[in-house]
N, C-alpha and C. Protein backbone atom coordinates (compact mmCIF):
# COMPACT_ATOMS: atom_id res chain seq x y z
N MET A 1 104.12 104.33 109.63
CA MET A 1 105.32 103.52 109.65
C MET A 1 106.56 104.39 109.86
N ARG A 2 106.57 105.54 109.18
CA ARG A 2 107.70 106.47 109.30
C ARG A 2 107.95 106.82 110.77
N MET A 3 106.90 107.16 111.47
CA MET A 3 107.04 107.57 112.87
C MET A 3 107.52 106.41 113.74
N LEU A 4 107.07 105.21 113.44
CA LEU A 4 107.50 104.04 114.19
C LEU A 4 109.00 103.80 114.02
N LEU A 5 109.48 103.89 112.78
CA LEU A 5 110.90 103.70 112.50
C LEU A 5 111.74 104.80 113.17
N GLU A 6 111.28 106.03 113.09
CA GLU A 6 112.00 107.14 113.73
C GLU A 6 112.04 106.98 115.25
N LYS A 7 110.92 106.58 115.83
CA LYS A 7 110.84 106.40 117.27
C LYS A 7 111.82 105.31 117.74
N GLU A 8 111.94 104.26 116.96
CA GLU A 8 112.85 103.17 117.33
C GLU A 8 114.31 103.65 117.37
N ILE A 9 114.70 104.45 116.40
CA ILE A 9 116.06 104.99 116.39
C ILE A 9 116.23 106.01 117.51
N GLN A 10 115.24 106.87 117.69
CA GLN A 10 115.30 107.91 118.71
C GLN A 10 115.49 107.32 120.11
N SER A 11 114.82 106.22 120.39
CA SER A 11 114.85 105.64 121.74
C SER A 11 116.09 104.79 122.02
N CYS A 12 116.85 104.44 121.01
CA CYS A 12 118.01 103.56 121.21
C CYS A 12 119.16 104.30 121.88
N ARG A 13 119.76 103.66 122.87
CA ARG A 13 120.90 104.21 123.59
C ARG A 13 122.00 103.15 123.77
N LEU A 14 122.04 102.17 122.88
CA LEU A 14 122.98 101.06 123.04
C LEU A 14 124.43 101.42 122.75
N CYS A 15 124.65 102.43 121.94
CA CYS A 15 126.01 102.76 121.50
C CYS A 15 126.42 104.17 121.91
N ARG A 16 127.72 104.38 121.89
CA ARG A 16 128.26 105.73 121.93
C ARG A 16 128.24 106.21 120.47
N TYR A 17 127.68 107.36 120.21
CA TYR A 17 127.56 107.82 118.83
C TYR A 17 127.71 109.33 118.79
N VAL A 18 127.95 109.84 117.59
CA VAL A 18 128.09 111.29 117.39
C VAL A 18 126.72 111.94 117.22
N ASP A 19 125.92 111.40 116.31
CA ASP A 19 124.58 111.90 116.07
C ASP A 19 123.76 110.83 115.38
N LYS A 20 122.53 111.16 115.06
CA LYS A 20 121.60 110.22 114.43
C LYS A 20 121.13 110.82 113.10
N PRO A 21 121.94 110.65 112.04
CA PRO A 21 121.63 111.27 110.75
C PRO A 21 120.27 110.89 110.17
N PHE A 22 119.78 109.67 110.45
CA PHE A 22 118.47 109.30 109.93
C PHE A 22 117.37 110.19 110.50
N LEU A 23 117.58 110.67 111.72
CA LEU A 23 116.61 111.59 112.33
C LEU A 23 116.91 113.04 111.94
N LYS A 24 118.19 113.44 112.03
CA LYS A 24 118.58 114.82 111.70
C LYS A 24 118.16 115.22 110.30
N SER A 25 118.29 114.30 109.36
CA SER A 25 117.98 114.61 107.96
C SER A 25 116.62 114.10 107.52
N SER A 26 115.83 113.60 108.46
CA SER A 26 114.48 113.08 108.15
C SER A 26 114.51 112.07 107.00
N ALA A 27 115.38 111.09 107.12
CA ALA A 27 115.56 110.09 106.06
C ALA A 27 114.27 109.37 105.69
N TYR A 28 113.44 109.10 106.68
CA TYR A 28 112.24 108.30 106.40
C TYR A 28 111.17 109.05 105.61
N ARG A 29 111.35 110.36 105.39
CA ARG A 29 110.42 111.06 104.50
C ARG A 29 110.62 110.60 103.06
N TRP A 30 111.75 109.92 102.79
CA TRP A 30 112.03 109.41 101.46
C TRP A 30 111.50 108.00 101.26
N LEU A 31 110.76 107.48 102.24
CA LEU A 31 110.16 106.15 102.08
C LEU A 31 109.17 106.17 100.93
N PRO A 32 109.31 105.24 99.99
CA PRO A 32 108.29 105.13 98.95
C PRO A 32 106.97 104.65 99.56
N GLU A 33 105.89 104.86 98.85
CA GLU A 33 104.60 104.37 99.33
C GLU A 33 104.66 102.87 99.56
N ARG A 34 105.30 102.16 98.67
CA ARG A 34 105.52 100.71 98.79
C ARG A 34 107.00 100.46 98.55
N VAL A 35 107.71 99.91 99.54
CA VAL A 35 109.13 99.63 99.38
C VAL A 35 109.29 98.30 98.65
N ARG A 36 109.70 98.41 97.41
CA ARG A 36 109.94 97.24 96.57
C ARG A 36 111.32 96.68 96.83
N VAL A 37 112.31 97.59 96.98
CA VAL A 37 113.71 97.21 97.21
C VAL A 37 114.21 97.95 98.45
N LEU A 38 114.78 97.18 99.37
CA LEU A 38 115.45 97.78 100.52
C LEU A 38 116.95 97.64 100.28
N ALA A 39 117.60 98.76 100.00
CA ALA A 39 119.05 98.79 99.79
C ALA A 39 119.69 99.13 101.13
N ILE A 40 120.66 98.32 101.55
CA ILE A 40 121.26 98.49 102.86
C ILE A 40 122.75 98.76 102.69
N GLY A 41 123.17 99.92 103.16
CA GLY A 41 124.59 100.29 103.13
C GLY A 41 125.22 100.04 104.49
N GLU A 42 126.38 100.62 104.69
CA GLU A 42 127.17 100.36 105.89
C GLU A 42 126.74 101.21 107.08
N SER A 43 127.13 102.48 107.07
CA SER A 43 126.85 103.41 108.17
C SER A 43 127.05 104.82 107.66
N PRO A 44 126.54 105.79 108.40
CA PRO A 44 126.92 107.17 108.07
C PRO A 44 128.44 107.32 108.26
N PRO A 45 129.09 108.25 107.56
CA PRO A 45 130.54 108.42 107.73
C PRO A 45 130.90 108.68 109.20
N PRO A 46 131.92 107.98 109.72
CA PRO A 46 132.30 108.16 111.13
C PRO A 46 132.89 109.53 111.43
N GLY A 47 132.79 109.91 112.67
CA GLY A 47 133.39 111.15 113.15
C GLY A 47 132.43 112.32 113.12
N LYS A 48 132.98 113.49 113.40
CA LYS A 48 132.15 114.71 113.47
C LYS A 48 132.01 115.31 112.08
N LYS A 49 131.15 114.70 111.29
CA LYS A 49 130.89 115.16 109.93
C LYS A 49 129.41 115.48 109.81
N GLU A 50 129.07 116.16 108.78
CA GLU A 50 127.66 116.44 108.51
C GLU A 50 127.15 115.64 107.32
N SER A 51 128.05 114.98 106.60
CA SER A 51 127.62 114.28 105.40
C SER A 51 126.83 113.02 105.76
N SER A 52 125.82 112.79 104.97
CA SER A 52 125.05 111.55 104.98
C SER A 52 124.22 111.58 103.70
N LEU A 53 123.81 110.44 103.25
CA LEU A 53 123.04 110.35 102.01
C LEU A 53 121.86 111.30 102.01
N TYR A 54 121.22 111.45 103.16
CA TYR A 54 119.99 112.23 103.24
C TYR A 54 120.18 113.70 103.60
N ASN A 55 121.40 114.13 103.90
CA ASN A 55 121.65 115.54 104.16
C ASN A 55 122.01 116.21 102.84
N LEU A 56 121.01 116.77 102.20
CA LEU A 56 121.21 117.34 100.87
C LEU A 56 121.95 118.66 100.89
N LYS A 57 122.25 119.20 102.08
CA LYS A 57 122.93 120.48 102.18
C LYS A 57 124.44 120.38 102.01
N VAL A 58 125.00 119.18 102.14
CA VAL A 58 126.45 119.00 102.03
C VAL A 58 126.78 117.86 101.07
N PHE A 59 128.01 117.90 100.56
CA PHE A 59 128.49 116.84 99.68
C PHE A 59 128.50 115.51 100.43
N ASP A 60 128.11 114.44 99.74
CA ASP A 60 128.18 113.10 100.31
C ASP A 60 128.72 112.14 99.26
N ARG A 61 129.76 111.41 99.61
CA ARG A 61 130.40 110.47 98.68
C ARG A 61 129.44 109.37 98.23
N LEU A 62 128.61 108.87 99.13
CA LEU A 62 127.65 107.83 98.76
C LEU A 62 126.67 108.33 97.71
N ARG A 63 126.16 109.54 97.89
CA ARG A 63 125.24 110.11 96.90
C ARG A 63 125.93 110.25 95.54
N LEU A 64 127.21 110.66 95.55
CA LEU A 64 127.97 110.76 94.32
C LEU A 64 128.13 109.39 93.66
N SER A 65 128.48 108.38 94.45
CA SER A 65 128.64 107.02 93.91
C SER A 65 127.33 106.51 93.33
N LEU A 66 126.23 106.74 94.03
CA LEU A 66 124.94 106.29 93.53
C LEU A 66 124.54 107.02 92.26
N SER A 67 124.93 108.29 92.13
CA SER A 67 124.59 109.02 90.90
C SER A 67 125.30 108.40 89.70
N LEU A 68 126.54 107.97 89.88
CA LEU A 68 127.25 107.27 88.81
C LEU A 68 126.57 105.95 88.49
N ILE A 69 126.26 105.18 89.50
CA ILE A 69 125.66 103.86 89.31
C ILE A 69 124.29 103.96 88.64
N LEU A 70 123.48 104.92 89.08
CA LEU A 70 122.12 105.06 88.54
C LEU A 70 122.06 105.87 87.26
N GLY A 71 123.13 106.60 86.96
CA GLY A 71 123.16 107.42 85.75
C GLY A 71 122.28 108.66 85.86
N VAL A 72 122.21 109.24 87.06
CA VAL A 72 121.43 110.47 87.27
C VAL A 72 122.30 111.50 87.98
N GLU A 73 121.88 112.77 87.93
CA GLU A 73 122.60 113.82 88.65
C GLU A 73 122.48 113.55 90.15
N THR A 74 123.47 114.02 90.92
CA THR A 74 123.47 113.77 92.36
C THR A 74 122.20 114.31 93.03
N GLY A 75 121.68 115.41 92.55
CA GLY A 75 120.46 115.97 93.12
C GLY A 75 119.21 115.16 92.83
N ARG A 76 119.30 114.20 91.92
CA ARG A 76 118.15 113.36 91.56
C ARG A 76 118.23 111.96 92.15
N VAL A 77 119.29 111.64 92.88
CA VAL A 77 119.48 110.27 93.39
C VAL A 77 118.31 109.84 94.26
N LEU A 78 117.99 110.62 95.29
CA LEU A 78 116.94 110.21 96.23
C LEU A 78 115.57 110.14 95.56
N GLY A 79 115.27 111.10 94.69
CA GLY A 79 114.00 111.08 93.97
C GLY A 79 113.89 109.88 93.05
N THR A 80 114.97 109.55 92.37
CA THR A 80 114.99 108.39 91.47
C THR A 80 114.75 107.11 92.25
N LEU A 81 115.42 106.98 93.40
CA LEU A 81 115.22 105.78 94.23
C LEU A 81 113.77 105.69 94.71
N LYS A 82 113.25 106.79 95.22
CA LYS A 82 111.88 106.78 95.75
C LYS A 82 110.87 106.44 94.66
N GLU A 83 111.03 107.04 93.49
CA GLU A 83 110.11 106.77 92.37
C GLU A 83 110.13 105.30 91.96
N ALA A 84 111.29 104.65 92.13
CA ALA A 84 111.42 103.23 91.76
C ALA A 84 111.03 102.29 92.90
N GLY A 85 110.60 102.85 94.04
CA GLY A 85 110.21 102.01 95.17
C GLY A 85 111.40 101.49 95.96
N VAL A 86 112.51 102.22 95.91
CA VAL A 86 113.74 101.82 96.61
C VAL A 86 113.95 102.73 97.81
N PHE A 87 114.21 102.12 98.97
CA PHE A 87 114.61 102.90 100.13
C PHE A 87 116.00 102.47 100.53
N PHE A 88 116.88 103.44 100.72
CA PHE A 88 118.27 103.18 101.08
C PHE A 88 118.43 103.41 102.57
N THR A 89 118.78 102.34 103.28
CA THR A 89 118.98 102.43 104.72
C THR A 89 120.43 102.05 105.04
N ALA A 90 120.73 101.90 106.30
CA ALA A 90 122.09 101.54 106.71
C ALA A 90 122.04 100.45 107.77
N SER A 91 123.05 99.61 107.79
CA SER A 91 123.12 98.56 108.81
C SER A 91 123.45 99.17 110.16
N ILE A 92 124.04 100.36 110.17
CA ILE A 92 124.33 101.11 111.39
C ILE A 92 123.59 102.44 111.26
N LYS A 93 122.65 102.69 112.15
CA LYS A 93 121.77 103.85 112.00
C LYS A 93 122.37 105.17 112.49
N CYS A 94 123.25 105.11 113.50
CA CYS A 94 123.82 106.34 114.06
C CYS A 94 125.22 106.58 113.50
N ARG A 95 125.70 107.83 113.61
CA ARG A 95 127.04 108.15 113.13
C ARG A 95 128.05 107.67 114.17
N PRO A 96 128.92 106.74 113.77
CA PRO A 96 129.93 106.22 114.70
C PRO A 96 130.96 107.30 115.06
N PRO A 97 131.48 107.26 116.29
CA PRO A 97 132.51 108.23 116.65
C PRO A 97 133.81 107.99 115.87
N ASP A 98 134.07 106.73 115.51
CA ASP A 98 135.29 106.37 114.79
C ASP A 98 135.08 105.01 114.12
N ARG A 99 136.04 104.63 113.27
CA ARG A 99 135.92 103.35 112.55
C ARG A 99 135.98 102.14 113.48
N LYS A 100 136.69 102.27 114.61
CA LYS A 100 136.81 101.15 115.55
C LYS A 100 135.46 100.76 116.15
N SER A 101 134.53 101.67 116.18
CA SER A 101 133.22 101.42 116.80
C SER A 101 132.25 100.69 115.88
N LEU A 102 132.58 100.58 114.60
CA LEU A 102 131.63 100.06 113.62
C LEU A 102 131.11 98.66 113.94
N MET A 103 131.98 97.72 114.28
CA MET A 103 131.54 96.33 114.47
C MET A 103 130.56 96.22 115.65
N GLY A 104 130.87 96.83 116.77
CA GLY A 104 129.96 96.79 117.91
C GLY A 104 128.64 97.46 117.61
N MET A 105 128.70 98.59 116.93
CA MET A 105 127.47 99.29 116.58
C MET A 105 126.64 98.47 115.60
N ARG A 106 127.30 97.79 114.67
CA ARG A 106 126.57 96.94 113.73
C ARG A 106 125.78 95.88 114.49
N ARG A 107 126.45 95.22 115.43
CA ARG A 107 125.77 94.19 116.22
C ARG A 107 124.57 94.76 116.98
N ASN A 108 124.74 95.95 117.55
CA ASN A 108 123.65 96.58 118.29
C ASN A 108 122.48 96.98 117.40
N CYS A 109 122.76 97.26 116.14
CA CYS A 109 121.71 97.70 115.21
C CYS A 109 120.99 96.56 114.51
N VAL A 110 121.45 95.33 114.67
CA VAL A 110 120.80 94.21 113.99
C VAL A 110 119.30 94.15 114.29
N PRO A 111 118.87 94.28 115.55
CA PRO A 111 117.42 94.25 115.80
C PRO A 111 116.66 95.40 115.12
N LYS A 112 117.28 96.56 115.02
CA LYS A 112 116.64 97.70 114.34
C LYS A 112 116.46 97.40 112.85
N LEU A 113 117.51 96.85 112.25
CA LEU A 113 117.43 96.49 110.83
C LEU A 113 116.42 95.36 110.61
N ALA A 114 116.39 94.40 111.50
CA ALA A 114 115.41 93.30 111.39
C ALA A 114 113.99 93.86 111.44
N ASP A 115 113.74 94.80 112.34
CA ASP A 115 112.42 95.43 112.41
C ASP A 115 112.10 96.20 111.14
N GLU A 116 113.10 96.90 110.62
CA GLU A 116 112.91 97.66 109.38
C GLU A 116 112.54 96.73 108.23
N ILE A 117 113.24 95.61 108.12
CA ILE A 117 112.94 94.62 107.07
C ILE A 117 111.51 94.09 107.25
N ARG A 118 111.16 93.75 108.47
CA ARG A 118 109.83 93.21 108.75
C ARG A 118 108.74 94.24 108.43
N LEU A 119 108.93 95.47 108.87
CA LEU A 119 107.91 96.50 108.66
C LEU A 119 107.76 96.91 107.19
N LEU A 120 108.88 97.02 106.50
CA LEU A 120 108.84 97.49 105.11
C LEU A 120 108.51 96.36 104.13
N ALA A 121 108.77 95.12 104.52
CA ALA A 121 108.43 93.93 103.72
C ALA A 121 108.82 94.06 102.25
N PRO A 122 110.10 94.32 101.97
CA PRO A 122 110.51 94.47 100.56
C PRO A 122 110.50 93.12 99.84
N ARG A 123 110.35 93.17 98.52
CA ARG A 123 110.46 91.95 97.71
C ARG A 123 111.92 91.64 97.40
N ARG A 124 112.76 92.67 97.54
CA ARG A 124 114.19 92.51 97.23
C ARG A 124 115.00 93.26 98.29
N ILE A 125 116.07 92.62 98.75
CA ILE A 125 117.01 93.24 99.67
C ILE A 125 118.36 93.26 98.98
N VAL A 126 119.01 94.41 99.00
CA VAL A 126 120.34 94.55 98.41
C VAL A 126 121.29 94.96 99.54
N ALA A 127 122.11 94.01 99.98
CA ALA A 127 123.08 94.25 101.04
C ALA A 127 124.38 94.70 100.38
N MET A 128 124.78 95.94 100.65
CA MET A 128 125.92 96.55 99.97
C MET A 128 127.09 96.73 100.92
N GLY A 129 128.06 95.84 100.81
CA GLY A 129 129.25 95.94 101.64
C GLY A 129 129.25 94.93 102.78
N ARG A 130 130.37 94.89 103.49
CA ARG A 130 130.63 93.88 104.51
C ARG A 130 129.67 93.95 105.69
N PHE A 131 129.47 95.13 106.27
CA PHE A 131 128.60 95.24 107.44
C PHE A 131 127.15 94.96 107.07
N ALA A 132 126.69 95.48 105.96
CA ALA A 132 125.31 95.22 105.53
C ALA A 132 125.10 93.74 105.28
N SER A 133 126.05 93.09 104.61
CA SER A 133 125.94 91.67 104.33
C SER A 133 125.94 90.84 105.61
N SER A 134 126.82 91.20 106.55
CA SER A 134 126.87 90.49 107.83
C SER A 134 125.53 90.60 108.56
N SER A 135 124.96 91.78 108.60
CA SER A 135 123.69 91.98 109.29
C SER A 135 122.56 91.21 108.63
N VAL A 136 122.47 91.28 107.31
CA VAL A 136 121.41 90.56 106.60
C VAL A 136 121.56 89.05 106.81
N CYS A 137 122.78 88.55 106.73
CA CYS A 137 123.00 87.11 106.96
C CYS A 137 122.61 86.71 108.38
N GLU A 138 122.93 87.53 109.33
CA GLU A 138 122.57 87.25 110.73
C GLU A 138 121.05 87.25 110.91
N ILE A 139 120.38 88.23 110.36
CA ILE A 139 118.92 88.35 110.50
C ILE A 139 118.21 87.17 109.83
N LEU A 140 118.63 86.84 108.62
CA LEU A 140 117.95 85.79 107.85
C LEU A 140 118.57 84.41 108.01
N LYS A 141 119.58 84.32 108.88
CA LYS A 141 120.28 83.05 109.15
C LYS A 141 120.80 82.41 107.87
N LEU A 142 121.59 83.19 107.13
CA LEU A 142 122.17 82.77 105.86
C LEU A 142 123.68 82.67 106.00
N ALA A 143 124.27 81.84 105.16
CA ALA A 143 125.73 81.79 105.08
C ALA A 143 126.20 83.06 104.38
N PRO A 144 127.33 83.60 104.80
CA PRO A 144 127.84 84.81 104.13
C PRO A 144 128.19 84.53 102.67
N PRO A 145 128.10 85.55 101.84
CA PRO A 145 128.45 85.36 100.43
C PRO A 145 129.94 85.04 100.29
N PRO A 146 130.32 84.32 99.23
CA PRO A 146 131.72 83.95 99.06
C PRO A 146 132.65 85.14 98.84
N SER A 147 132.13 86.20 98.23
CA SER A 147 132.96 87.38 97.94
C SER A 147 132.07 88.61 97.86
N LEU A 148 132.62 89.74 98.24
CA LEU A 148 131.90 90.99 98.08
C LEU A 148 132.57 91.88 97.03
N HIS A 149 133.40 91.27 96.20
CA HIS A 149 134.02 92.00 95.09
C HIS A 149 133.21 91.81 93.81
N GLU A 150 132.17 91.00 93.93
CA GLU A 150 131.27 90.77 92.81
C GLU A 150 129.86 90.72 93.37
N ILE A 151 128.88 90.50 92.52
CA ILE A 151 127.49 90.47 92.94
C ILE A 151 127.01 89.02 92.98
N SER A 152 126.35 88.66 94.07
CA SER A 152 125.76 87.32 94.17
C SER A 152 124.32 87.45 94.64
N ALA A 153 123.52 86.42 94.37
CA ALA A 153 122.10 86.48 94.71
C ALA A 153 121.62 85.14 95.23
N ILE A 154 120.64 85.20 96.13
CA ILE A 154 119.94 84.01 96.61
C ILE A 154 118.49 84.40 96.85
N ARG A 155 117.68 83.41 97.10
CA ARG A 155 116.28 83.64 97.46
C ARG A 155 116.06 83.01 98.82
N SER A 156 115.42 83.75 99.72
CA SER A 156 115.16 83.24 101.06
C SER A 156 113.83 83.82 101.55
N ARG A 157 112.98 82.97 102.05
CA ARG A 157 111.68 83.40 102.59
C ARG A 157 110.89 84.23 101.59
N GLY A 158 110.98 83.87 100.32
CA GLY A 158 110.24 84.56 99.28
C GLY A 158 110.80 85.92 98.89
N VAL A 159 112.02 86.24 99.36
CA VAL A 159 112.64 87.53 99.08
C VAL A 159 113.92 87.30 98.29
N GLU A 160 114.12 88.11 97.24
CA GLU A 160 115.39 88.09 96.51
C GLU A 160 116.41 88.85 97.34
N ILE A 161 117.57 88.26 97.54
CA ILE A 161 118.62 88.92 98.31
C ILE A 161 119.88 88.99 97.45
N PHE A 162 120.38 90.21 97.30
CA PHE A 162 121.60 90.43 96.54
C PHE A 162 122.68 90.91 97.50
N PHE A 163 123.87 90.38 97.32
CA PHE A 163 125.05 90.83 98.06
C PHE A 163 125.96 91.50 97.05
N THR A 164 126.30 92.76 97.31
CA THR A 164 127.09 93.52 96.35
C THR A 164 128.21 94.26 97.08
N PRO A 165 129.20 94.71 96.34
CA PRO A 165 130.16 95.64 96.97
C PRO A 165 129.42 96.92 97.34
N HIS A 166 129.99 97.66 98.26
CA HIS A 166 129.43 98.96 98.63
C HIS A 166 129.50 99.89 97.41
N PRO A 167 128.52 100.78 97.23
CA PRO A 167 128.55 101.69 96.08
C PRO A 167 129.84 102.51 95.97
N ASN A 168 130.43 102.90 97.10
CA ASN A 168 131.69 103.65 97.02
C ASN A 168 132.82 102.78 96.46
N TYR A 169 132.80 101.49 96.75
CA TYR A 169 133.78 100.56 96.18
C TYR A 169 133.55 100.44 94.67
N VAL A 170 132.28 100.30 94.29
CA VAL A 170 131.96 100.21 92.86
C VAL A 170 132.45 101.45 92.14
N PHE A 171 132.20 102.62 92.70
CA PHE A 171 132.62 103.89 92.10
C PHE A 171 134.14 103.95 91.94
N ARG A 172 134.87 103.51 92.96
CA ARG A 172 136.34 103.65 92.94
C ARG A 172 137.05 102.51 92.22
N PHE A 173 136.56 101.28 92.36
CA PHE A 173 137.35 100.14 91.89
C PHE A 173 136.65 99.19 90.93
N ALA A 174 135.33 99.25 90.82
CA ALA A 174 134.62 98.22 90.04
C ALA A 174 133.48 98.83 89.23
N ARG A 175 133.79 99.86 88.47
CA ARG A 175 132.74 100.55 87.71
C ARG A 175 132.04 99.65 86.69
N THR A 176 132.67 98.55 86.33
CA THR A 176 132.01 97.62 85.40
C THR A 176 130.78 96.97 86.03
N LEU A 177 130.68 97.00 87.36
CA LEU A 177 129.51 96.45 88.05
C LEU A 177 128.34 97.44 88.11
N ALA A 178 128.59 98.70 87.78
CA ALA A 178 127.57 99.74 87.92
C ALA A 178 126.28 99.43 87.15
N PRO A 179 126.33 99.04 85.88
CA PRO A 179 125.07 98.75 85.18
C PRO A 179 124.26 97.62 85.82
N GLN A 180 124.95 96.58 86.27
CA GLN A 180 124.27 95.46 86.92
C GLN A 180 123.64 95.90 88.24
N LEU A 181 124.36 96.69 89.02
CA LEU A 181 123.84 97.18 90.29
C LEU A 181 122.65 98.12 90.06
N SER A 182 122.72 98.96 89.04
CA SER A 182 121.61 99.83 88.70
C SER A 182 120.37 99.01 88.35
N GLU A 183 120.55 97.98 87.59
CA GLU A 183 119.42 97.10 87.21
C GLU A 183 118.83 96.41 88.43
N ILE A 184 119.68 95.97 89.35
CA ILE A 184 119.20 95.33 90.58
C ILE A 184 118.37 96.32 91.40
N LEU A 185 118.81 97.55 91.49
CA LEU A 185 118.09 98.55 92.28
C LEU A 185 116.83 99.04 91.58
N LEU A 186 116.93 99.41 90.32
CA LEU A 186 115.82 100.07 89.64
C LEU A 186 114.99 99.17 88.75
N GLY A 187 115.54 97.99 88.41
CA GLY A 187 114.85 97.09 87.49
C GLY A 187 113.63 96.43 88.08
N PRO A 188 113.08 95.49 87.36
CA PRO A 188 111.82 94.84 87.79
C PRO A 188 111.93 94.10 89.11
């Protein structure tokens, strides 16, 4: 499955992009044996940066935010997620050249994310932030959540779907949501 997901990203040429962090950092090596929860974030940071959740050689704000939410050291974030059957992906797979490119790239990545959802068959999907929520709603033909400043949940096609603020937003502005988000990711 890992090779299939990597091949799909490798072969895509729909967007102008800086690089492909999911391939550069071998993100899919962090796939749990069974993906119980598919957590979907926005995109790798735009521009010529090296940071991404899966590049352990450099500081990454998302990894820091997740460490606060999960209550683990930053170096344990990926291991904690994997052990709990959680895989963290992005609604935009490649690094955007700039913030203006995000919406078009999101639209182009919808089929990739749909394939990822189908192949990984999670019991729970956690869409974190505006782009992730838009993509999940488009794929599953759902109405958008009323707000992304709080957490909401629905059930569709036998899958629990949670819409949450992005972890960086939780870290900066809504730390009271951290325990609930941790439970959604790591709980039963």
